[in-house]
């Protein structure tokens, strides 16, 4: 799946993180699962602080990085990463359970990006980060450009809203020894 250049309406024939949005949109099927291997490949998108907007094997990746222009050239964008993590976790639950370990590792790496230098007392979210160092590119660290809590609630806790009063609990096994949430409000009632 490719982005489309808006003016000329032609495919931008380069891999990009937005190409994985078909999983986030829940329109991917079993035949699309192999493309997720690009996310977990250290030669394409698997960086310490995921996911770079362009793959590491893009022919101009190093040049773009050296220019210092980080807009959409290689930076990790938390909002985009959230969509891709959500799609990968969804695919692990619905299309191929063997994706669970890698999807959990992706969630873990994305979570760690919110804590520079592993300082858990100062969680933050910037607009974009260096995918190799985890350094934010902007000084504003309360950008509110992430839906991390949704990932935690829907895929780790497994709370999946329905078009009914029934509450589905369908977590991904991410390897934690334990996890719990209490007093969850769902359709105007509290679930314990």
C-alpha atoms as a PDB file:
ATOM      1  CA  UNK A   1       0.000   0.000   0.000  1.00  0.00           C
ATOM      2  CA  UNK A   2       1.346   3.396  -0.958  1.00  0.00           C
ATOM      3  CA  UNK A   3       0.559   7.008  -0.216  1.00  0.00           C
ATOM      4  CA  UNK A   4      -0.851   9.065  -3.065  1.00  0.00           C
ATOM      5  CA  UNK A   5       0.740  12.332  -4.149  1.00  0.00           C
ATOM      6  CA  UNK A   6      -2.127  14.824  -3.745  1.00  0.00           C
ATOM      7  CA  UNK A   7      -1.521  17.096  -6.737  1.00  0.00           C
ATOM      8  CA  UNK A   8      -0.741  14.517  -9.412  1.00  0.00           C
ATOM      9  CA  UNK A   9      -2.776  11.737  -7.755  1.00  0.00           C
ATOM     10  CA  UNK A  10      -0.134   9.078  -8.336  1.00  0.00           C
ATOM     11  CA  UNK A  11       1.281   6.561  -5.942  1.00  0.00           C
ATOM     12  CA  UNK A  12       4.400   7.591  -4.065  1.00  0.00           C
ATOM     13  CA  UNK A  13       6.281   4.357  -4.756  1.00  0.00           C
ATOM     14  CA  UNK A  14       8.237   4.190  -1.494  1.00  0.00           C
ATOM     15  CA  UNK A  15       7.478   2.211   1.640  1.00  0.00           C
ATOM     16  CA  UNK A  16       6.179   4.415   4.445  1.00  0.00           C
ATOM     17  CA  UNK A  17       4.672   3.763   7.848  1.00  0.00           C
ATOM     18  CA  UNK A  18       1.296   4.927   6.559  1.00  0.00           C
ATOM     19  CA  UNK A  19       1.280   1.892   4.256  1.00  0.00           C
ATOM     20  CA  UNK A  20       0.475  -0.201   7.328  1.00  0.00           C
ATOM     21  CA  UNK A  21      -2.690   1.796   8.080  1.00  0.00           C
ATOM     22  CA  UNK A  22      -4.771  -0.931   6.409  1.00  0.00           C
ATOM     23  CA  UNK A  23      -4.384  -2.917   9.642  1.00  0.00           C
ATOM     24  CA  UNK A  24      -5.342   0.056  11.812  1.00  0.00           C
ATOM     25  CA  UNK A  25      -8.388   0.624   9.573  1.00  0.00           C
ATOM     26  CA  UNK A  26      -9.274  -3.080   9.981  1.00  0.00           C
ATOM     27  CA  UNK A  27      -9.503  -3.615   6.216  1.00  0.00           C
ATOM     28  CA  UNK A  28      -6.453  -5.877   5.918  1.00  0.00           C
ATOM     29  CA  UNK A  29      -6.952  -9.592   5.661  1.00  0.00           C
ATOM     30  CA  UNK A  30      -4.856 -12.742   5.942  1.00  0.00           C
ATOM     31  CA  UNK A  31      -3.206 -12.095   2.566  1.00  0.00           C
ATOM     32  CA  UNK A  32      -1.718  -8.821   3.872  1.00  0.00           C
ATOM     33  CA  UNK A  33      -0.069 -10.291   6.985  1.00  0.00           C
ATOM     34  CA  UNK A  34       3.336 -10.894   5.300  1.00  0.00           C
ATOM     35  CA  UNK A  35       3.786  -7.149   4.789  1.00  0.00           C
ATOM     36  CA  UNK A  36       3.966  -6.697   8.576  1.00  0.00           C
ATOM     37  CA  UNK A  37       7.386  -8.357   8.517  1.00  0.00           C
ATOM     38  CA  UNK A  38       8.743  -5.019   7.221  1.00  0.00           C
ATOM     39  CA  UNK A  39       7.848  -3.458  10.594  1.00  0.00           C
ATOM     40  CA  UNK A  40       9.940  -6.016  12.492  1.00  0.00           C
ATOM     41  CA  UNK A  41      12.880  -6.056  10.075  1.00  0.00           C
ATOM     42  CA  UNK A  42      15.979  -4.118  11.267  1.00  0.00           C
ATOM     43  CA  UNK A  43      16.754  -3.340   7.620  1.00  0.00           C
ATOM     44  CA  UNK A  44      13.469  -1.499   7.095  1.00  0.00           C
ATOM     45  CA  UNK A  45      11.423  -0.126  10.030  1.00  0.00           C
ATOM     46  CA  UNK A  46      12.612  -1.908  13.212  1.00  0.00           C
ATOM     47  CA  UNK A  47      14.447   0.887  15.032  1.00  0.00           C
ATOM     48  CA  UNK A  48      14.998   1.263  18.761  1.00  0.00           C
ATOM     49  CA  UNK A  49      12.330   3.997  18.876  1.00  0.00           C
ATOM     50  CA  UNK A  50       9.743   3.006  16.284  1.00  0.00           C
ATOM     51  CA  UNK A  51       8.714   3.665  13.632  1.00  0.00           C
ATOM     52  CA  UNK A  52      10.653   5.854  11.205  1.00  0.00           C
ATOM     53  CA  UNK A  53       8.411   7.462   8.614  1.00  0.00           C
ATOM     54  CA  UNK A  54      10.600   6.065   5.842  1.00  0.00           C
ATOM     55  CA  UNK A  55      12.358   2.691   5.826  1.00  0.00           C
ATOM     56  CA  UNK A  56      16.049   2.404   6.534  1.00  0.00           C
ATOM     57  CA  UNK A  57      16.585   0.813   3.130  1.00  0.00           C
ATOM     58  CA  UNK A  58      15.206   3.853   1.295  1.00  0.00           C
ATOM     59  CA  UNK A  59      17.990   4.954  -1.055  1.00  0.00           C
ATOM     60  CA  UNK A  60      18.023   8.541   0.229  1.00  0.00           C
ATOM     61  CA  UNK A  61      17.502   7.763   3.928  1.00  0.00           C
ATOM     62  CA  UNK A  62      21.017   8.704   5.046  1.00  0.00           C
ATOM     63  CA  UNK A  63      21.042  11.867   2.926  1.00  0.00           C
ATOM     64  CA  UNK A  64      17.721  12.974   4.367  1.00  0.00           C
ATOM     65  CA  UNK A  65      18.922  12.290   7.884  1.00  0.00           C
ATOM     66  CA  UNK A  66      22.074  14.345   7.315  1.00  0.00           C
ATOM     67  CA  UNK A  67      20.111  17.378   6.095  1.00  0.00           C
ATOM     68  CA  UNK A  68      18.529  17.750   9.517  1.00  0.00           C
ATOM     69  CA  UNK A  69      15.129  18.298   7.924  1.00  0.00           C
ATOM     70  CA  UNK A  70      13.017  15.887   9.926  1.00  0.00           C
ATOM     71  CA  UNK A  71       9.507  16.684   8.831  1.00  0.00           C
ATOM     72  CA  UNK A  72       8.507  13.434   7.113  1.00  0.00           C
ATOM     73  CA  UNK A  73      11.902  12.260   5.966  1.00  0.00           C
ATOM     74  CA  UNK A  74      12.786   9.743   8.619  1.00  0.00           C
ATOM     75  CA  UNK A  75      11.447  10.892  11.987  1.00  0.00           C
ATOM     76  CA  UNK A  76       9.245   8.790  14.230  1.00  0.00           C
ATOM     77  CA  UNK A  77       5.824  10.376  14.575  1.00  0.00           C
ATOM     78  CA  UNK A  78       3.992   9.103  17.692  1.00  0.00           C
ATOM     79  CA  UNK A  79       0.539   9.515  16.180  1.00  0.00           C
ATOM     80  CA  UNK A  80       1.488   7.470  13.128  1.00  0.00           C
ATOM     81  CA  UNK A  81       3.252   4.892  15.273  1.00  0.00           C
ATOM     82  CA  UNK A  82       0.156   4.541  17.469  1.00  0.00           C
ATOM     83  CA  UNK A  83      -1.929   3.707  14.411  1.00  0.00           C
ATOM     84  CA  UNK A  84       0.571   1.105  13.243  1.00  0.00           C
ATOM     85  CA  UNK A  85       0.973  -0.431  16.727  1.00  0.00           C
ATOM     86  CA  UNK A  86      -2.812  -0.623  17.019  1.00  0.00           C
ATOM     87  CA  UNK A  87      -2.982  -2.353  13.636  1.00  0.00           C
ATOM     88  CA  UNK A  88      -0.211  -4.813  14.515  1.00  0.00           C
ATOM     89  CA  UNK A  89      -1.865  -5.723  17.837  1.00  0.00           C
ATOM     90  CA  UNK A  90      -5.233  -6.095  16.092  1.00  0.00           C
ATOM     91  CA  UNK A  91      -3.635  -8.362  13.477  1.00  0.00           C
ATOM     92  CA  UNK A  92      -2.109 -10.475  16.270  1.00  0.00           C
ATOM     93  CA  UNK A  93      -5.573 -10.926  17.799  1.00  0.00           C
ATOM     94  CA  UNK A  94      -7.568 -11.488  14.639  1.00  0.00           C
ATOM     95  CA  UNK A  95      -5.363 -12.582  11.741  1.00  0.00           C
ATOM     96  CA  UNK A  96      -2.269 -14.373  13.057  1.00  0.00           C
ATOM     97  CA  UNK A  97      -1.522 -15.026  16.734  1.00  0.00           C
ATOM     98  CA  UNK A  98       2.146 -15.696  15.905  1.00  0.00           C
ATOM     99  CA  UNK A  99       2.486 -11.903  15.524  1.00  0.00           C
ATOM    100  CA  UNK A 100       1.854 -11.423  19.264  1.00  0.00           C
ATOM    101  CA  UNK A 101       5.487 -11.472  20.384  1.00  0.00           C
ATOM    102  CA  UNK A 102       6.643  -8.922  17.791  1.00  0.00           C
ATOM    103  CA  UNK A 103       3.544  -6.759  18.229  1.00  0.00           C
ATOM    104  CA  UNK A 104       4.157  -6.742  22.003  1.00  0.00           C
ATOM    105  CA  UNK A 105       7.808  -5.770  21.447  1.00  0.00           C
ATOM    106  CA  UNK A 106       6.648  -2.943  19.165  1.00  0.00           C
ATOM    107  CA  UNK A 107       4.263  -1.703  21.861  1.00  0.00           C
ATOM    108  CA  UNK A 108       7.074  -1.921  24.427  1.00  0.00           C
ATOM    109  CA  UNK A 109       9.531   0.049  22.266  1.00  0.00           C
ATOM    110  CA  UNK A 110       6.915   2.672  21.528  1.00  0.00           C
ATOM    111  CA  UNK A 111       6.130   2.964  25.255  1.00  0.00           C
ATOM    112  CA  UNK A 112       9.810   3.434  26.150  1.00  0.00           C
ATOM    113  CA  UNK A 113      10.050   6.355  23.730  1.00  0.00           C
ATOM    114  CA  UNK A 114       7.753   8.286  26.079  1.00  0.00           C
ATOM    115  CA  UNK A 115      10.396   8.071  28.832  1.00  0.00           C
ATOM    116  CA  UNK A 116      13.660   9.672  27.611  1.00  0.00           C
ATOM    117  CA  UNK A 117      16.737   8.131  29.220  1.00  0.00           C
ATOM    118  CA  UNK A 118      14.419   5.617  30.929  1.00  0.00           C
ATOM    119  CA  UNK A 119      13.293   8.304  33.377  1.00  0.00           C
ATOM    120  CA  UNK A 120       9.863   6.996  34.353  1.00  0.00           C
ATOM    121  CA  UNK A 121       9.128  10.057  36.499  1.00  0.00           C
ATOM    122  CA  UNK A 122       8.909  12.290  33.399  1.00  0.00           C
ATOM    123  CA  UNK A 123       6.697  10.759  30.742  1.00  0.00           C
ATOM    124  CA  UNK A 124       6.262  12.945  27.689  1.00  0.00           C
ATOM    125  CA  UNK A 125       5.174  13.020  24.107  1.00  0.00           C
ATOM    126  CA  UNK A 126       6.714  15.188  21.425  1.00  0.00           C
ATOM    127  CA  UNK A 127       5.515  15.706  17.879  1.00  0.00           C
ATOM    128  CA  UNK A 128       8.388  13.661  16.447  1.00  0.00           C
ATOM    129  CA  UNK A 129      11.511  11.818  17.587  1.00  0.00           C
ATOM    130  CA  UNK A 130      14.760  10.511  16.211  1.00  0.00           C
ATOM    131  CA  UNK A 131      14.026   6.806  15.603  1.00  0.00           C
ATOM    132  CA  UNK A 132      17.586   5.831  16.533  1.00  0.00           C
ATOM    133  CA  UNK A 133      18.199   7.874  19.702  1.00  0.00           C
ATOM    134  CA  UNK A 134      14.683   8.596  20.941  1.00  0.00           C
ATOM    135  CA  UNK A 135      15.546  12.297  21.178  1.00  0.00           C
ATOM    136  CA  UNK A 136      12.610  14.624  20.530  1.00  0.00           C
ATOM    137  CA  UNK A 137      13.071  17.027  17.624  1.00  0.00           C
ATOM    138  CA  UNK A 138      11.000  19.742  19.271  1.00  0.00           C
ATOM    139  CA  UNK A 139      11.236  21.258  22.760  1.00  0.00           C
ATOM    140  CA  UNK A 140       7.476  20.923  23.347  1.00  0.00           C
ATOM    141  CA  UNK A 141       7.052  17.669  25.286  1.00  0.00           C
ATOM    142  CA  UNK A 142       3.335  17.791  26.007  1.00  0.00           C
ATOM    143  CA  UNK A 143       2.148  17.585  22.450  1.00  0.00           C
ATOM    144  CA  UNK A 144      -0.820  15.270  23.117  1.00  0.00           C
ATOM    145  CA  UNK A 145      -0.190  13.502  19.838  1.00  0.00           C
ATOM    146  CA  UNK A 146      -0.533   9.908  20.907  1.00  0.00           C
ATOM    147  CA  UNK A 147      -3.280   7.470  21.736  1.00  0.00           C
ATOM    148  CA  UNK A 148      -1.072   5.251  23.880  1.00  0.00           C
ATOM    149  CA  UNK A 149      -3.730   4.817  26.567  1.00  0.00           C
ATOM    150  CA  UNK A 150      -6.090   3.407  23.946  1.00  0.00           C
ATOM    151  CA  UNK A 151      -3.472   0.808  23.017  1.00  0.00           C
ATOM    152  CA  UNK A 152      -3.086  -0.138  26.670  1.00  0.00           C
ATOM    153  CA  UNK A 153      -6.817  -0.394  27.348  1.00  0.00           C
ATOM    154  CA  UNK A 154      -7.864  -2.174  24.165  1.00  0.00           C
ATOM    155  CA  UNK A 155      -4.957  -4.516  23.561  1.00  0.00           C
ATOM    156  CA  UNK A 156      -3.220  -5.055  26.922  1.00  0.00           C
ATOM    157  CA  UNK A 157      -6.327  -4.941  29.134  1.00  0.00           C
ATOM    158  CA  UNK A 158      -8.321  -6.265  26.186  1.00  0.00           C
ATOM    159  CA  UNK A 159     -11.314  -3.981  26.712  1.00  0.00           C
ATOM    160  CA  UNK A 160     -13.049  -3.925  23.344  1.00  0.00           C
ATOM    161  CA  UNK A 161     -16.159  -1.725  23.046  1.00  0.00           C
ATOM    162  CA  UNK A 162     -19.140  -3.241  21.233  1.00  0.00           C
ATOM    163  CA  UNK A 163     -22.362  -1.937  19.745  1.00  0.00           C
ATOM    164  CA  UNK A 164     -24.162  -3.580  22.642  1.00  0.00           C
ATOM    165  CA  UNK A 165     -24.093  -3.679  26.411  1.00  0.00           C
ATOM    166  CA  UNK A 166     -21.759  -6.679  26.243  1.00  0.00           C
ATOM    167  CA  UNK A 167     -18.151  -5.923  27.072  1.00  0.00           C
ATOM    168  CA  UNK A 168     -15.617  -8.044  25.203  1.00  0.00           C
ATOM    169  CA  UNK A 169     -12.296  -8.743  26.912  1.00  0.00           C
ATOM    170  CA  UNK A 170      -9.766  -9.803  24.268  1.00  0.00           C
ATOM    171  CA  UNK A 171      -6.160  -9.002  25.265  1.00  0.00           C
ATOM    172  CA  UNK A 172      -2.961  -9.725  23.364  1.00  0.00           C
ATOM    173  CA  UNK A 173      -0.485 -11.810  25.340  1.00  0.00           C
ATOM    174  CA  UNK A 174       2.350  -9.323  25.659  1.00  0.00           C
ATOM    175  CA  UNK A 175       4.325 -11.365  28.152  1.00  0.00           C
ATOM    176  CA  UNK A 176       3.588  -9.431  31.332  1.00  0.00           C
ATOM    177  CA  UNK A 177       3.299 -11.412  34.553  1.00  0.00           C
ATOM    178  CA  UNK A 178       0.214  -9.467  35.580  1.00  0.00           C
ATOM    179  CA  UNK A 179      -1.889  -6.468  34.682  1.00  0.00           C
ATOM    180  CA  UNK A 180      -5.165  -5.173  36.050  1.00  0.00           C
ATOM    181  CA  UNK A 181      -7.517  -2.254  35.744  1.00  0.00           C
ATOM    182  CA  UNK A 182     -10.362  -1.517  38.120  1.00  0.00           C
ATOM    183  CA  UNK A 183     -13.576   0.435  38.096  1.00  0.00           C
ATOM    184  CA  UNK A 184     -13.836   0.765  34.331  1.00  0.00           C
ATOM    185  CA  UNK A 185     -16.833   2.771  33.208  1.00  0.00           C
ATOM    186  CA  UNK A 186     -18.577   1.196  30.206  1.00  0.00           C
ATOM    187  CA  UNK A 187     -21.915   2.430  28.872  1.00  0.00           C
ATOM    188  CA  UNK A 188     -22.665   4.295  32.098  1.00  0.00           C
ATOM    189  CA  UNK A 189     -21.939   1.432  34.440  1.00  0.00           C
ATOM    190  CA  UNK A 190     -18.784   0.523  36.333  1.00  0.00           C
ATOM    191  CA  UNK A 191     -17.148  -2.829  35.623  1.00  0.00           C
ATOM    192  CA  UNK A 192     -14.954  -4.326  38.363  1.00  0.00           C
END
